[in-house]
Amino acid sequence: VQLVESGGGLVQPGGSLRLSCAASGFPFSSYYMKWYRQAPGKERELVAGISSADTTTYADSVKGRFTISRDNDKNMVYLQMNRLKPEDTAVYYCGVLRTGRHYWGQGTQVTVSS
């Protein structure tokens, strides 16, 4: 299993970013995919998830601002983040649970600051 995140960066409050995750090494279209984030000094938290049938779930803190999506032809999962806030600053990770083990990418840093 390999997961590679990209798209992070520095953005002003109110701005937008789109994160991407390239997945390989497993039958991507069959798996529930997730985005997590971890801020300094805090535990990793689930941000959003998407099922193989495109059913989505979101943390309350990002509902209405973030949108998770997937492209099964390209083995990609995305996180569109709008109206970003300073408290969204974190390292964002793509994740999948396969054969009883969680797999993560290396993460991509998102910093929301003026």
C-alpha atoms as a PDB file:
ATOM      1  CA  VAL A   1       0.000   0.000   0.000  1.00  0.00           C
ATOM      2  CA  GLN A   2       1.296   3.430  -0.924  1.00  0.00           C
ATOM      3  CA  LEU A   3      -0.401   6.741  -0.288  1.00  0.00           C
ATOM      4  CA  VAL A   4       1.129  10.025  -1.442  1.00  0.00           C
ATOM      5  CA  GLU A   5      -0.442  13.332  -0.439  1.00  0.00           C
ATOM      6  CA  SER A   6       0.122  16.655  -2.143  1.00  0.00           C
ATOM      7  CA  GLY A   7      -1.387  20.112  -2.427  1.00  0.00           C
ATOM      8  CA  GLY A   8      -0.665  21.613   0.962  1.00  0.00           C
ATOM      9  CA  GLY A   9       0.748  25.059   1.505  1.00  0.00           C
ATOM     10  CA  LEU A  10       0.345  28.441   3.130  1.00  0.00           C
ATOM     11  CA  VAL A  11      -2.992  30.166   2.657  1.00  0.00           C
ATOM     12  CA  GLN A  12      -4.690  33.177   4.203  1.00  0.00           C
ATOM     13  CA  PRO A  13      -7.801  32.783   6.342  1.00  0.00           C
ATOM     14  CA  GLY A  14     -10.830  32.469   4.111  1.00  0.00           C
ATOM     15  CA  GLY A  15      -8.795  30.933   1.318  1.00  0.00           C
ATOM     16  CA  SER A  16      -8.980  27.534  -0.349  1.00  0.00           C
ATOM     17  CA  LEU A  17      -6.736  24.561  -1.005  1.00  0.00           C
ATOM     18  CA  ARG A  18      -7.250  21.251  -2.726  1.00  0.00           C
ATOM     19  CA  LEU A  19      -5.378  18.264  -1.368  1.00  0.00           C
ATOM     20  CA  SER A  20      -4.745  15.158  -3.449  1.00  0.00           C
ATOM     21  CA  CYS A  21      -3.827  11.616  -2.482  1.00  0.00           C
ATOM     22  CA  ALA A  22      -2.480   9.091  -4.972  1.00  0.00           C
ATOM     23  CA  ALA A  23      -3.128   5.512  -3.891  1.00  0.00           C
ATOM     24  CA  SER A  24      -1.563   2.287  -5.108  1.00  0.00           C
ATOM     25  CA  GLY A  25      -0.951  -1.290  -4.061  1.00  0.00           C
ATOM     26  CA  PHE A  26      -4.519  -2.261  -3.241  1.00  0.00           C
ATOM     27  CA  PRO A  27      -7.934  -2.390  -4.991  1.00  0.00           C
ATOM     28  CA  PHE A  28      -8.653   1.273  -4.418  1.00  0.00           C
ATOM     29  CA  SER A  29     -12.229   1.384  -5.683  1.00  0.00           C
ATOM     30  CA  SER A  30     -13.339  -1.125  -3.036  1.00  0.00           C
ATOM     31  CA  TYR A  31     -12.007   0.735  -0.025  1.00  0.00           C
ATOM     32  CA  TYR A  32     -13.230   3.439   2.312  1.00  0.00           C
ATOM     33  CA  MET A  33     -10.777   6.321   2.125  1.00  0.00           C
ATOM     34  CA  LYS A  34     -10.180   8.940   4.770  1.00  0.00           C
ATOM     35  CA  TRP A  35      -8.476  12.238   5.371  1.00  0.00           C
ATOM     36  CA  TYR A  36      -7.028  12.892   8.805  1.00  0.00           C
ATOM     37  CA  ARG A  37      -5.145  15.822  10.233  1.00  0.00           C
ATOM     38  CA  GLN A  38      -2.797  16.358  13.127  1.00  0.00           C
ATOM     39  CA  ALA A  39      -2.004  19.742  14.602  1.00  0.00           C
ATOM     40  CA  PRO A  40       1.076  20.320  16.779  1.00  0.00           C
ATOM     41  CA  GLY A  41       0.550  18.892  20.236  1.00  0.00           C
ATOM     42  CA  LYS A  42      -2.769  17.302  19.320  1.00  0.00           C
ATOM     43  CA  GLU A  43      -3.933  13.836  18.401  1.00  0.00           C
ATOM     44  CA  ARG A  44      -4.657  12.850  14.841  1.00  0.00           C
ATOM     45  CA  GLU A  45      -8.330  13.446  14.036  1.00  0.00           C
ATOM     46  CA  LEU A  46     -10.607  12.215  11.299  1.00  0.00           C
ATOM     47  CA  VAL A  47     -11.609  15.023   8.942  1.00  0.00           C
ATOM     48  CA  ALA A  48     -13.604  13.250   6.245  1.00  0.00           C
ATOM     49  CA  GLY A  49     -14.297   9.844   4.764  1.00  0.00           C
ATOM     50  CA  ILE A  50     -15.700   8.484   1.524  1.00  0.00           C
ATOM     51  CA  SER A  51     -17.001   5.019   0.807  1.00  0.00           C
ATOM     52  CA  SER A  52     -16.676   3.005  -2.374  1.00  0.00           C
ATOM     53  CA  ALA A  53     -20.229   4.144  -3.155  1.00  0.00           C
ATOM     54  CA  ASP A  54     -19.291   7.815  -2.672  1.00  0.00           C
ATOM     55  CA  THR A  55     -21.072   8.152   0.666  1.00  0.00           C
ATOM     56  CA  THR A  56     -19.292  10.863   2.607  1.00  0.00           C
ATOM     57  CA  THR A  57     -18.863  11.793   6.262  1.00  0.00           C
ATOM     58  CA  TYR A  58     -17.314  14.865   7.829  1.00  0.00           C
ATOM     59  CA  ALA A  59     -16.122  16.086  11.184  1.00  0.00           C
ATOM     60  CA  ASP A  60     -18.446  18.736  12.565  1.00  0.00           C
ATOM     61  CA  SER A  61     -15.619  21.260  12.473  1.00  0.00           C
ATOM     62  CA  VAL A  62     -15.342  21.083   8.669  1.00  0.00           C
ATOM     63  CA  LYS A  63     -18.934  20.433   7.555  1.00  0.00           C
ATOM     64  CA  GLY A  64     -20.017  22.871   4.888  1.00  0.00           C
ATOM     65  CA  ARG A  65     -16.430  23.946   4.193  1.00  0.00           C
ATOM     66  CA  PHE A  66     -14.601  20.775   3.117  1.00  0.00           C
ATOM     67  CA  THR A  67     -15.560  18.300   0.403  1.00  0.00           C
ATOM     68  CA  ILE A  68     -14.044  14.856  -0.040  1.00  0.00           C
ATOM     69  CA  SER A  69     -14.207  13.138  -3.414  1.00  0.00           C
ATOM     70  CA  ARG A  70     -12.579  10.265  -5.261  1.00  0.00           C
ATOM     71  CA  ASP A  71     -11.704   9.216  -8.794  1.00  0.00           C
ATOM     72  CA  ASN A  72     -11.606   5.450  -8.985  1.00  0.00           C
ATOM     73  CA  ASP A  73     -10.207   5.512 -12.526  1.00  0.00           C
ATOM     74  CA  LYS A  74      -7.152   7.416 -11.322  1.00  0.00           C
ATOM     75  CA  ASN A  75      -6.911   5.900  -7.820  1.00  0.00           C
ATOM     76  CA  MET A  76      -7.104   9.378  -6.344  1.00  0.00           C
ATOM     77  CA  VAL A  77      -8.879  10.911  -3.383  1.00  0.00           C
ATOM     78  CA  TYR A  78      -9.248  14.647  -2.917  1.00  0.00           C
ATOM     79  CA  LEU A  79     -10.075  17.101  -0.178  1.00  0.00           C
ATOM     80  CA  GLN A  80     -11.361  20.487  -1.287  1.00  0.00           C
ATOM     81  CA  MET A  81     -10.986  22.918   1.591  1.00  0.00           C
ATOM     82  CA  ASN A  82     -12.789  26.252   1.450  1.00  0.00           C
ATOM     83  CA  ARG A  83     -13.151  29.104   3.934  1.00  0.00           C
ATOM     84  CA  LEU A  84     -10.055  27.948   5.728  1.00  0.00           C
ATOM     85  CA  LYS A  85      -9.465  29.017   9.317  1.00  0.00           C
ATOM     86  CA  PRO A  86      -6.274  29.248  11.359  1.00  0.00           C
ATOM     87  CA  GLU A  87      -7.472  26.255  13.383  1.00  0.00           C
ATOM     88  CA  ASP A  88      -7.347  24.153  10.219  1.00  0.00           C
ATOM     89  CA  THR A  89      -3.560  24.380  10.353  1.00  0.00           C
ATOM     90  CA  ALA A  90      -2.204  20.836  10.538  1.00  0.00           C
ATOM     91  CA  VAL A  91      -0.476  18.062   8.665  1.00  0.00           C
ATOM     92  CA  TYR A  92      -3.102  16.319   6.563  1.00  0.00           C
ATOM     93  CA  TYR A  93      -2.893  12.594   5.924  1.00  0.00           C
ATOM     94  CA  CYS A  94      -4.661  10.265   3.582  1.00  0.00           C
ATOM     95  CA  GLY A  95      -5.520   6.924   5.163  1.00  0.00           C
ATOM     96  CA  VAL A  96      -6.960   3.508   4.500  1.00  0.00           C
ATOM     97  CA  LEU A  97      -7.707   0.517   6.697  1.00  0.00           C
ATOM     98  CA  ARG A  98      -6.705  -2.692   4.954  1.00  0.00           C
ATOM     99  CA  THR A  99      -6.282  -6.200   6.374  1.00  0.00           C
ATOM    100  CA  GLY A 100      -6.694  -4.858   9.883  1.00  0.00           C
ATOM    101  CA  ARG A 101      -3.953  -2.251   9.580  1.00  0.00           C
ATOM    102  CA  HIS A 102      -4.085   1.482   9.051  1.00  0.00           C
ATOM    103  CA  TYR A 103      -1.919   2.857   6.268  1.00  0.00           C
ATOM    104  CA  TRP A 104      -0.938   6.515   5.984  1.00  0.00           C
ATOM    105  CA  GLY A 105       0.921   8.717   3.594  1.00  0.00           C
ATOM    106  CA  GLN A 106       3.730  11.043   4.580  1.00  0.00           C
ATOM    107  CA  GLY A 107       1.309  13.922   5.017  1.00  0.00           C
ATOM    108  CA  THR A 108       1.097  17.408   3.560  1.00  0.00           C
ATOM    109  CA  GLN A 109       1.362  20.578   5.638  1.00  0.00           C
ATOM    110  CA  VAL A 110      -1.495  23.074   5.563  1.00  0.00           C
ATOM    111  CA  THR A 111      -0.868  26.415   7.235  1.00  0.00           C
ATOM    112  CA  VAL A 112      -3.629  29.012   7.485  1.00  0.00           C
ATOM    113  CA  SER A 113      -2.211  32.352   8.494  1.00  0.00           C
ATOM    114  CA  SER A 114      -2.264  36.000   7.535  1.00  0.00           C
END
